Amino acid sequence: MLKFILPAIIVFLIVLFWEKINEMIYKKFNIKINNIVILVFLAVIIAITALLYF
């Protein structure tokens, strides 16, 4: 049961503090993390689709 609750809490905290995380990374590396997250999400969706197709 812990293996289901712990990731849910981690995801909830990431969603809750997303703006603070984004600002901190932008100040440190001058990169908007939203673009990176969107690209990674699209890459994962494309990889899953390709694996299901072949």
Protein backbone atom coordinates (compact mmCIF):
# COMPACT_ATOMS: atom_id res chain seq x y z
CA MET A 1 0.00 0.00 0.00
CA LEU A 2 2.93 2.32 0.66
CA LYS A 3 4.08 1.95 -2.95
CA PHE A 4 0.81 3.57 -4.08
CA ILE A 5 0.55 6.30 -1.46
CA LEU A 6 4.12 7.61 -1.62
CA PRO A 7 4.14 8.38 -5.39
CA ALA A 8 0.69 9.97 -5.08
CA ILE A 9 1.96 12.27 -2.34
CA ILE A 10 5.08 13.15 -4.37
CA VAL A 11 3.02 13.97 -7.47
CA PHE A 12 0.60 16.02 -5.37
CA LEU A 13 3.45 18.06 -3.87
CA ILE A 14 5.01 18.65 -7.30
CA VAL A 15 1.68 19.90 -8.65
CA LEU A 16 1.10 22.03 -5.56
CA PHE A 17 4.51 23.74 -5.67
CA TRP A 18 4.97 23.77 -9.47
CA GLU A 19 5.26 27.57 -9.75
CA LYS A 20 7.94 27.77 -7.04
CA ILE A 21 9.89 24.91 -8.64
CA ASN A 22 9.61 26.57 -12.04
CA GLU A 23 10.80 29.95 -10.72
CA MET A 24 13.74 28.39 -8.88
CA ILE A 25 14.94 26.50 -11.97
CA TYR A 26 14.42 29.58 -14.17
CA LYS A 27 16.53 31.74 -11.84
CA LYS A 28 19.27 29.12 -11.56
CA PHE A 29 19.55 27.90 -15.18
CA ASN A 30 17.55 30.53 -17.14
CA ILE A 31 15.43 27.76 -18.70
CA LYS A 32 11.67 27.46 -18.60
CA ILE A 33 10.93 23.96 -17.35
CA ASN A 34 7.45 23.93 -18.90
CA ASN A 35 8.95 23.51 -22.37
CA ILE A 36 11.14 20.62 -21.23
CA VAL A 37 8.23 18.86 -19.51
CA ILE A 38 6.07 19.16 -22.62
CA LEU A 39 8.84 17.76 -24.83
CA VAL A 40 9.49 14.84 -22.47
CA PHE A 41 5.76 14.09 -22.25
CA LEU A 42 5.43 14.07 -26.04
CA ALA A 43 8.52 11.85 -26.39
CA VAL A 44 7.06 9.34 -23.92
CA ILE A 45 3.70 9.30 -25.73
CA ILE A 46 5.45 8.78 -29.08
CA ALA A 47 7.61 5.98 -27.64
CA ILE A 48 4.58 4.22 -26.14
CA THR A 49 2.68 4.56 -29.40
CA ALA A 50 5.62 3.19 -31.39
CA LEU A 51 6.01 0.24 -29.03
CA LEU A 52 2.31 -0.57 -29.22
CA TYR A 53 2.31 -0.29 -33.00
CA PHE A 54 5.27 -2.61 -33.68
